[in-house]
Amino acid sequence: MNTRISYIISLFAVAILGLSHAIPEKAIERAAASPAASSPASSSASSSPSSSGGSGGAPGANGGKASFYTEWKSNPGSCGSIPSDPMLCAIHPSLMPASCGKCIMIDYNGKKQKVKVTDTCPGCTPDKIDLSDEAFAKLDSKDKGILSIKWDFVPC
C-alpha cells in the first residue's frame, strides 16, 4: 500500500510542479520528418526494473530513444532531491517510483554512460529515457536532440 501511495504522490507532484521536459526544436523537426515518427513505439519487455541490474528487462534494453532536459538543476524531481551529480535521467511513469536511485547504462554507438534515475518523464514512452543535458552531451552533440540508444538497469 505504501508503494501505491508513494506512486500517487509522485505523479501528483509532477502534475502540480508542471515538470516538462523540453525537447529542442531541431529534434522535433527531425522527428516529424522521420518515417518512424508516425509509428507507435512498442515494447514486449517487462516494465519492472531489475533489482540486480543488467539485462533486467528494461524497456530500452533492446533499443530505445534518448532526449535531454535541463530542469533538474533547480527542481528536486519526483525522487525528492536536487542531485549533485549531473549524470542523471528521468524515465517513464510506469517504472517509477521503484526506480528512484537506480542506475542505468546508456549505450550509444559504442559510447557508454552510466546515469542515475532521479525523476519521472511524463512525456516519455516506456523505451525512451530523458537524460540530463550533461549526460546527453557525453554521448553526442545536443544539436542532435534525440538519439537511438540501448539502455538497461545496472548496479550503481
N, C-alpha and C. Protein backbone atom coordinates (compact mmCIF):
# COMPACT_ATOMS: atom_id res chain seq x y z
N MET A 1 0.82 -1.19 0.00
CA MET A 1 0.00 0.00 0.00
C MET A 1 0.87 1.26 0.00
N ASN A 2 1.97 1.26 0.75
CA ASN A 2 2.84 2.43 0.82
C ASN A 2 3.42 2.76 -0.55
N THR A 3 3.77 1.74 -1.35
CA THR A 3 4.31 1.96 -2.68
C THR A 3 3.27 2.65 -3.56
N ARG A 4 2.03 2.22 -3.46
CA ARG A 4 0.96 2.81 -4.26
C ARG A 4 0.77 4.27 -3.87
N ILE A 5 0.79 4.56 -2.58
CA ILE A 5 0.63 5.95 -2.12
C ILE A 5 1.81 6.80 -2.59
N SER A 6 3.03 6.27 -2.49
CA SER A 6 4.21 7.00 -2.96
C SER A 6 4.11 7.30 -4.44
N TYR A 7 3.64 6.31 -5.20
CA TYR A 7 3.50 6.49 -6.65
C TYR A 7 2.48 7.59 -6.96
N ILE A 8 1.36 7.56 -6.28
CA ILE A 8 0.33 8.58 -6.49
C ILE A 8 0.85 9.95 -6.10
N ILE A 9 1.56 10.04 -4.99
CA ILE A 9 2.12 11.32 -4.56
C ILE A 9 3.14 11.82 -5.59
N SER A 10 3.96 10.92 -6.12
CA SER A 10 4.94 11.31 -7.14
C SER A 10 4.25 11.86 -8.38
N LEU A 11 3.22 11.17 -8.84
CA LEU A 11 2.50 11.64 -10.02
C LEU A 11 1.83 12.98 -9.76
N PHE A 12 1.27 13.13 -8.57
CA PHE A 12 0.63 14.38 -8.20
C PHE A 12 1.66 15.51 -8.18
N ALA A 13 2.84 15.25 -7.62
CA ALA A 13 3.89 16.27 -7.57
C ALA A 13 4.32 16.68 -8.97
N VAL A 14 4.44 15.70 -9.86
CA VAL A 14 4.81 16.00 -11.24
C VAL A 14 3.76 16.90 -11.89
N ALA A 15 2.49 16.58 -11.67
CA ALA A 15 1.41 17.37 -12.26
C ALA A 15 1.37 18.78 -11.67
N ILE A 16 1.52 18.90 -10.37
CA ILE A 16 1.46 20.20 -9.71
C ILE A 16 2.63 21.08 -10.10
N LEU A 17 3.82 20.51 -10.11
CA LEU A 17 5.01 21.30 -10.40
C LEU A 17 5.16 21.60 -11.88
N GLY A 18 4.36 20.93 -12.70
CA GLY A 18 4.41 21.19 -14.14
C GLY A 18 5.75 20.84 -14.74
N LEU A 19 6.29 19.71 -14.33
CA LEU A 19 7.59 19.30 -14.82
C LEU A 19 7.49 18.93 -16.30
N SER A 20 8.00 19.78 -17.14
CA SER A 20 8.02 19.45 -18.56
C SER A 20 9.46 19.23 -18.95
N HIS A 21 9.65 18.33 -19.86
CA HIS A 21 10.99 18.01 -20.32
C HIS A 21 11.13 18.51 -21.75
N ALA A 22 11.83 19.61 -21.89
CA ALA A 22 11.94 20.29 -23.17
C ALA A 22 12.70 19.45 -24.18
N ILE A 23 12.20 19.44 -25.38
CA ILE A 23 12.87 18.80 -26.50
C ILE A 23 13.21 19.93 -27.48
N PRO A 24 14.48 20.04 -27.87
CA PRO A 24 14.87 21.12 -28.78
C PRO A 24 14.05 21.10 -30.06
N GLU A 25 13.82 22.29 -30.61
CA GLU A 25 13.02 22.41 -31.84
C GLU A 25 13.59 21.58 -32.97
N LYS A 26 14.93 21.54 -33.09
CA LYS A 26 15.55 20.75 -34.16
C LYS A 26 15.16 19.28 -34.03
N ALA A 27 15.11 18.78 -32.80
CA ALA A 27 14.74 17.38 -32.58
C ALA A 27 13.31 17.14 -32.99
N ILE A 28 12.42 18.07 -32.69
CA ILE A 28 11.02 17.92 -33.07
C ILE A 28 10.89 17.92 -34.59
N GLU A 29 11.63 18.81 -35.26
CA GLU A 29 11.59 18.86 -36.73
C GLU A 29 12.09 17.55 -37.32
N ARG A 30 13.22 17.02 -36.78
CA ARG A 30 13.75 15.76 -37.29
C ARG A 30 12.79 14.61 -37.04
N ALA A 31 12.18 14.59 -35.86
CA ALA A 31 11.24 13.52 -35.53
C ALA A 31 10.03 13.56 -36.45
N ALA A 32 9.55 14.77 -36.76
CA ALA A 32 8.39 14.90 -37.64
C ALA A 32 8.73 14.45 -39.05
N ALA A 33 9.98 14.64 -39.48
CA ALA A 33 10.39 14.25 -40.82
C ALA A 33 10.71 12.76 -40.92
N SER A 34 10.95 12.13 -39.78
CA SER A 34 11.33 10.72 -39.75
C SER A 34 10.12 9.82 -40.00
N PRO A 35 10.27 8.77 -40.82
CA PRO A 35 9.16 7.85 -41.04
C PRO A 35 8.78 7.11 -39.76
N ALA A 36 9.72 6.93 -38.85
CA ALA A 36 9.44 6.22 -37.60
C ALA A 36 8.56 7.05 -36.67
N ALA A 37 8.48 8.36 -36.91
CA ALA A 37 7.71 9.23 -36.03
C ALA A 37 6.23 8.90 -36.07
N SER A 38 5.76 8.35 -37.17
CA SER A 38 4.33 8.06 -37.27
C SER A 38 3.97 6.67 -36.75
N SER A 39 5.00 5.83 -36.49
CA SER A 39 4.67 4.50 -35.98
C SER A 39 4.80 4.48 -34.47
N PRO A 40 3.82 3.88 -33.78
CA PRO A 40 3.87 3.87 -32.32
C PRO A 40 4.99 2.98 -31.80
N ALA A 41 5.59 3.39 -30.68
CA ALA A 41 6.63 2.58 -30.06
C ALA A 41 5.97 1.38 -29.39
N SER A 42 6.64 0.25 -29.46
CA SER A 42 6.11 -0.92 -28.79
C SER A 42 7.21 -1.57 -27.99
N SER A 43 6.81 -2.24 -26.95
CA SER A 43 7.77 -2.93 -26.11
C SER A 43 7.14 -4.20 -25.58
N SER A 44 7.82 -5.31 -25.77
CA SER A 44 7.31 -6.56 -25.24
C SER A 44 8.00 -6.92 -23.93
N ALA A 45 8.95 -6.07 -23.50
CA ALA A 45 9.69 -6.35 -22.27
C ALA A 45 8.86 -6.00 -21.06
N SER A 46 9.22 -6.59 -19.96
CA SER A 46 8.57 -6.30 -18.68
C SER A 46 8.83 -4.86 -18.29
N SER A 47 7.86 -4.23 -17.64
CA SER A 47 8.05 -2.84 -17.26
C SER A 47 8.59 -2.68 -15.86
N SER A 48 8.94 -3.78 -15.19
CA SER A 48 9.51 -3.61 -13.86
C SER A 48 11.02 -3.71 -13.93
N PRO A 49 11.71 -2.75 -13.31
CA PRO A 49 13.16 -2.72 -13.39
C PRO A 49 13.78 -3.86 -12.59
N SER A 50 14.94 -4.30 -13.04
CA SER A 50 15.66 -5.35 -12.35
C SER A 50 16.33 -4.79 -11.11
N SER A 51 16.25 -5.50 -10.02
CA SER A 51 16.93 -5.06 -8.82
C SER A 51 18.38 -5.49 -8.83
N SER A 52 18.73 -6.49 -9.61
CA SER A 52 20.10 -6.95 -9.66
C SER A 52 20.89 -6.24 -10.74
N GLY A 53 20.23 -5.53 -11.64
CA GLY A 53 20.92 -4.80 -12.70
C GLY A 53 21.24 -5.70 -13.87
N GLY A 54 21.51 -5.08 -15.02
CA GLY A 54 21.91 -5.79 -16.21
C GLY A 54 20.86 -6.74 -16.75
N SER A 55 20.51 -6.59 -18.01
CA SER A 55 19.54 -7.43 -18.69
C SER A 55 18.31 -7.68 -17.83
N GLY A 56 17.86 -6.65 -17.19
CA GLY A 56 16.74 -6.77 -16.28
C GLY A 56 15.40 -6.60 -16.95
N GLY A 57 15.35 -6.63 -18.26
CA GLY A 57 14.08 -6.49 -18.93
C GLY A 57 13.63 -5.05 -19.02
N ALA A 58 14.56 -4.11 -18.94
CA ALA A 58 14.20 -2.70 -19.10
C ALA A 58 13.65 -2.50 -20.50
N PRO A 59 12.64 -1.64 -20.65
CA PRO A 59 12.05 -1.44 -21.96
C PRO A 59 13.05 -1.00 -23.03
N GLY A 60 14.14 -0.36 -22.66
CA GLY A 60 15.13 0.10 -23.63
C GLY A 60 16.29 -0.85 -23.84
N ALA A 61 16.25 -2.04 -23.21
CA ALA A 61 17.37 -2.97 -23.28
C ALA A 61 17.66 -3.40 -24.71
N ASN A 62 16.65 -3.45 -25.55
CA ASN A 62 16.85 -3.85 -26.93
C ASN A 62 16.81 -2.68 -27.89
N GLY A 63 16.69 -1.49 -27.38
CA GLY A 63 16.67 -0.30 -28.22
C GLY A 63 15.65 0.69 -27.72
N GLY A 64 15.99 1.93 -27.82
CA GLY A 64 15.11 2.99 -27.37
C GLY A 64 15.60 4.33 -27.85
N LYS A 65 15.11 5.37 -27.25
CA LYS A 65 15.46 6.74 -27.62
C LYS A 65 15.90 7.51 -26.39
N ALA A 66 16.73 8.51 -26.61
CA ALA A 66 17.14 9.40 -25.52
C ALA A 66 17.01 10.84 -25.99
N SER A 67 16.43 11.66 -25.12
CA SER A 67 16.40 13.11 -25.33
C SER A 67 17.05 13.71 -24.09
N PHE A 68 16.97 15.03 -23.93
CA PHE A 68 17.57 15.63 -22.74
C PHE A 68 16.71 16.76 -22.20
N TYR A 69 16.99 17.10 -20.93
CA TYR A 69 16.28 18.18 -20.27
C TYR A 69 17.22 18.90 -19.31
N THR A 70 16.84 20.10 -18.87
CA THR A 70 17.69 20.91 -18.00
C THR A 70 17.05 21.25 -16.67
N GLU A 71 15.78 20.95 -16.49
CA GLU A 71 15.06 21.36 -15.28
C GLU A 71 15.62 20.76 -14.00
N TRP A 72 16.43 19.71 -14.08
CA TRP A 72 16.96 19.03 -12.91
C TRP A 72 17.83 19.94 -12.05
N LYS A 73 18.38 20.99 -12.63
CA LYS A 73 19.32 21.85 -11.90
C LYS A 73 18.66 22.64 -10.78
N SER A 74 17.36 22.86 -10.87
CA SER A 74 16.68 23.65 -9.85
C SER A 74 15.42 22.96 -9.33
N ASN A 75 15.20 21.73 -9.73
CA ASN A 75 13.97 21.04 -9.39
C ASN A 75 14.30 19.69 -8.74
N PRO A 76 13.72 19.38 -7.60
CA PRO A 76 14.05 18.11 -6.95
C PRO A 76 13.57 16.87 -7.69
N GLY A 77 12.71 17.00 -8.67
CA GLY A 77 12.23 15.83 -9.40
C GLY A 77 11.37 14.93 -8.53
N SER A 78 10.85 13.88 -9.12
CA SER A 78 9.91 13.02 -8.42
C SER A 78 10.58 12.12 -7.39
N CYS A 79 11.91 12.03 -7.39
CA CYS A 79 12.60 11.23 -6.37
C CYS A 79 12.89 12.04 -5.12
N GLY A 80 12.64 13.35 -5.15
CA GLY A 80 12.64 14.15 -3.94
C GLY A 80 13.85 14.98 -3.59
N SER A 81 14.91 14.96 -4.38
CA SER A 81 16.05 15.82 -4.04
C SER A 81 16.72 16.34 -5.30
N ILE A 82 17.38 17.49 -5.16
CA ILE A 82 18.14 18.04 -6.28
C ILE A 82 19.49 17.33 -6.28
N PRO A 83 19.79 16.59 -7.35
CA PRO A 83 21.03 15.82 -7.38
C PRO A 83 22.27 16.71 -7.52
N SER A 84 23.38 16.27 -6.94
CA SER A 84 24.63 17.00 -7.10
C SER A 84 25.41 16.48 -8.31
N ASP A 85 25.20 15.23 -8.67
CA ASP A 85 25.87 14.64 -9.83
C ASP A 85 25.00 14.86 -11.06
N PRO A 86 25.54 15.49 -12.10
CA PRO A 86 24.73 15.78 -13.29
C PRO A 86 24.46 14.57 -14.19
N MET A 87 25.03 13.41 -13.90
CA MET A 87 24.80 12.23 -14.72
C MET A 87 23.53 11.54 -14.23
N LEU A 88 22.39 12.01 -14.76
CA LEU A 88 21.10 11.54 -14.27
C LEU A 88 20.09 11.46 -15.40
N CYS A 89 18.91 10.91 -15.06
CA CYS A 89 17.88 10.76 -16.07
C CYS A 89 16.49 10.73 -15.44
N ALA A 90 15.51 10.84 -16.32
CA ALA A 90 14.09 10.69 -15.97
C ALA A 90 13.55 9.58 -16.88
N ILE A 91 12.64 8.76 -16.32
CA ILE A 91 12.10 7.64 -17.09
C ILE A 91 10.58 7.59 -16.99
N HIS A 92 9.99 6.71 -17.77
CA HIS A 92 8.54 6.55 -17.89
C HIS A 92 7.88 6.34 -16.52
N PRO A 93 6.70 6.93 -16.32
CA PRO A 93 5.99 6.80 -15.04
C PRO A 93 5.74 5.36 -14.59
N SER A 94 5.59 4.42 -15.51
CA SER A 94 5.32 3.03 -15.11
C SER A 94 6.51 2.40 -14.38
N LEU A 95 7.69 2.98 -14.52
CA LEU A 95 8.89 2.46 -13.88
C LEU A 95 9.19 3.18 -12.56
N MET A 96 8.35 4.13 -12.22
CA MET A 96 8.57 4.96 -11.03
C MET A 96 7.50 4.66 -9.99
N PRO A 97 7.72 4.90 -8.72
CA PRO A 97 8.94 5.39 -8.07
C PRO A 97 9.93 4.28 -7.74
N ALA A 98 9.63 3.04 -8.13
CA ALA A 98 10.51 1.91 -7.80
C ALA A 98 11.93 2.08 -8.33
N SER A 99 12.12 2.89 -9.37
CA SER A 99 13.44 3.05 -9.97
C SER A 99 14.24 4.21 -9.40
N CYS A 100 13.66 4.98 -8.50
CA CYS A 100 14.40 6.11 -7.91
C CYS A 100 15.72 5.63 -7.32
N GLY A 101 16.79 6.31 -7.71
CA GLY A 101 18.12 6.00 -7.19
C GLY A 101 18.83 4.85 -7.88
N LYS A 102 18.15 4.16 -8.79
CA LYS A 102 18.80 3.06 -9.52
C LYS A 102 19.62 3.64 -10.67
N CYS A 103 20.57 2.85 -11.13
CA CYS A 103 21.44 3.30 -12.22
C CYS A 103 21.09 2.61 -13.53
N ILE A 104 21.33 3.32 -14.60
CA ILE A 104 21.07 2.84 -15.96
C ILE A 104 22.32 3.08 -16.79
N MET A 105 22.68 2.08 -17.59
CA MET A 105 23.79 2.24 -18.53
C MET A 105 23.21 2.52 -19.91
N ILE A 106 23.65 3.61 -20.49
CA ILE A 106 23.24 4.01 -21.84
C ILE A 106 24.34 3.57 -22.80
N ASP A 107 23.96 2.98 -23.92
CA ASP A 107 24.91 2.62 -24.96
C ASP A 107 24.47 3.30 -26.25
N TYR A 108 25.31 4.20 -26.72
CA TYR A 108 25.03 4.93 -27.96
C TYR A 108 26.21 4.73 -28.90
N ASN A 109 26.04 3.91 -29.90
CA ASN A 109 27.09 3.63 -30.89
C ASN A 109 28.42 3.28 -30.23
N GLY A 110 28.38 2.46 -29.18
CA GLY A 110 29.59 2.04 -28.50
C GLY A 110 30.05 2.96 -27.37
N LYS A 111 29.50 4.17 -27.31
CA LYS A 111 29.81 5.07 -26.19
C LYS A 111 28.87 4.71 -25.06
N LYS A 112 29.43 4.55 -23.86
CA LYS A 112 28.60 4.18 -22.71
C LYS A 112 28.64 5.27 -21.66
N GLN A 113 27.50 5.48 -21.02
CA GLN A 113 27.38 6.47 -19.95
C GLN A 113 26.41 5.95 -18.90
N LYS A 114 26.87 5.91 -17.65
CA LYS A 114 26.01 5.50 -16.55
C LYS A 114 25.31 6.74 -15.99
N VAL A 115 24.01 6.62 -15.73
CA VAL A 115 23.21 7.70 -15.16
C VAL A 115 22.36 7.15 -14.02
N LYS A 116 21.94 8.05 -13.13
CA LYS A 116 21.08 7.65 -12.01
C LYS A 116 19.68 8.19 -12.24
N VAL A 117 18.67 7.38 -11.94
CA VAL A 117 17.27 7.79 -12.08
C VAL A 117 16.92 8.72 -10.93
N THR A 118 16.49 9.94 -11.28
CA THR A 118 16.12 10.93 -10.26
C THR A 118 14.75 11.57 -10.50
N ASP A 119 14.12 11.22 -11.64
CA ASP A 119 12.88 11.91 -11.98
C ASP A 119 12.02 11.05 -12.90
N THR A 120 10.76 11.48 -13.04
CA THR A 120 9.80 10.85 -13.93
C THR A 120 9.69 11.69 -15.20
N CYS A 121 9.57 11.02 -16.33
CA CYS A 121 9.38 11.70 -17.61
C CYS A 121 7.98 11.40 -18.11
N PRO A 122 7.00 12.27 -17.80
CA PRO A 122 5.61 12.01 -18.18
C PRO A 122 5.40 11.91 -19.69
N GLY A 123 6.25 12.55 -20.49
CA GLY A 123 6.09 12.53 -21.94
C GLY A 123 6.84 11.41 -22.63
N CYS A 124 7.54 10.58 -21.86
CA CYS A 124 8.33 9.50 -22.45
C CYS A 124 7.50 8.25 -22.67
N THR A 125 7.83 7.52 -23.72
CA THR A 125 7.30 6.17 -23.90
C THR A 125 8.14 5.24 -23.02
N PRO A 126 7.70 4.02 -22.76
CA PRO A 126 8.46 3.14 -21.87
C PRO A 126 9.90 2.87 -22.32
N ASP A 127 10.18 2.96 -23.62
CA ASP A 127 11.55 2.70 -24.09
C ASP A 127 12.40 3.96 -24.22
N LYS A 128 11.82 5.11 -23.89
CA LYS A 128 12.55 6.38 -24.00
C LYS A 128 13.06 6.81 -22.64
N ILE A 129 14.21 7.46 -22.65
CA ILE A 129 14.82 7.97 -21.43
C ILE A 129 15.19 9.43 -21.66
N ASP A 130 14.97 10.26 -20.66
CA ASP A 130 15.27 11.69 -20.75
C ASP A 130 16.51 11.94 -19.91
N LEU A 131 17.62 12.26 -20.56
CA LEU A 131 18.90 12.45 -19.88
C LEU A 131 19.09 13.90 -19.47
N SER A 132 19.92 14.11 -18.46
CA SER A 132 20.34 15.48 -18.17
C SER A 132 21.11 15.98 -19.39
N ASP A 133 21.13 17.28 -19.59
CA ASP A 133 21.86 17.81 -20.74
C ASP A 133 23.34 17.42 -20.69
N GLU A 134 23.92 17.34 -19.50
CA GLU A 134 25.33 16.96 -19.36
C GLU A 134 25.56 15.50 -19.77
N ALA A 135 24.67 14.60 -19.36
CA ALA A 135 24.81 13.19 -19.73
C ALA A 135 24.64 13.02 -21.24
N PHE A 136 23.66 13.72 -21.81
CA PHE A 136 23.43 13.65 -23.26
C PHE A 136 24.68 14.09 -24.01
N ALA A 137 25.29 15.20 -23.55
CA ALA A 137 26.47 15.76 -24.22
C ALA A 137 27.67 14.81 -24.17
N LYS A 138 27.72 13.90 -23.19
CA LYS A 138 28.79 12.91 -23.14
C LYS A 138 28.66 11.90 -24.28
N LEU A 139 27.43 11.74 -24.78
CA LEU A 139 27.18 10.77 -25.85
C LEU A 139 27.28 11.39 -27.23
N ASP A 140 26.74 12.60 -27.39
CA ASP A 140 26.76 13.28 -28.69
C ASP A 140 26.34 14.73 -28.50
N SER A 141 26.40 15.49 -29.56
CA SER A 141 26.02 16.90 -29.53
C SER A 141 24.54 17.06 -29.20
N LYS A 142 24.24 18.03 -28.35
CA LYS A 142 22.84 18.30 -28.01
C LYS A 142 22.06 18.77 -29.23
N ASP A 143 22.74 19.20 -30.28
CA ASP A 143 22.05 19.60 -31.52
C ASP A 143 21.30 18.43 -32.14
N LYS A 144 21.71 17.20 -31.85
CA LYS A 144 21.01 16.03 -32.39
C LYS A 144 19.61 15.89 -31.81
N GLY A 145 19.43 16.31 -30.55
CA GLY A 145 18.10 16.31 -29.93
C GLY A 145 17.61 14.97 -29.45
N ILE A 146 17.60 13.97 -30.30
CA ILE A 146 17.15 12.62 -29.94
C ILE A 146 18.15 11.62 -30.50
N LEU A 147 18.53 10.65 -29.65
CA LEU A 147 19.47 9.62 -30.06
C LEU A 147 18.80 8.25 -30.01
N SER A 148 19.21 7.36 -30.91
CA SER A 148 18.79 5.97 -30.85
C SER A 148 19.81 5.24 -29.98
N ILE A 149 19.33 4.66 -28.90
CA ILE A 149 20.23 4.07 -27.89
C ILE A 149 19.75 2.68 -27.47
N LYS A 150 20.57 2.03 -26.65
CA LYS A 150 20.17 0.87 -25.87
C LYS A 150 20.40 1.27 -24.42
N TRP A 151 19.54 0.82 -23.52
CA TRP A 151 19.75 1.10 -22.11
C TRP A 151 19.21 -0.02 -21.26
N ASP A 152 19.81 -0.15 -20.08
CA ASP A 152 19.38 -1.19 -19.16
C ASP A 152 19.79 -0.79 -17.75
N PHE A 153 19.09 -1.33 -16.76
CA PHE A 153 19.45 -1.09 -15.37
C PHE A 153 20.73 -1.84 -15.05
N VAL A 154 21.63 -1.20 -14.30
CA VAL A 154 22.89 -1.79 -13.87
C VAL A 154 23.12 -1.43 -12.40
N PRO A 155 24.00 -2.17 -11.73
CA PRO A 155 24.30 -1.79 -10.34
C PRO A 155 24.96 -0.41 -10.30
N CYS A 156 24.63 0.34 -9.26
CA CYS A 156 25.28 1.64 -9.08
C CYS A 156 26.66 1.44 -8.50
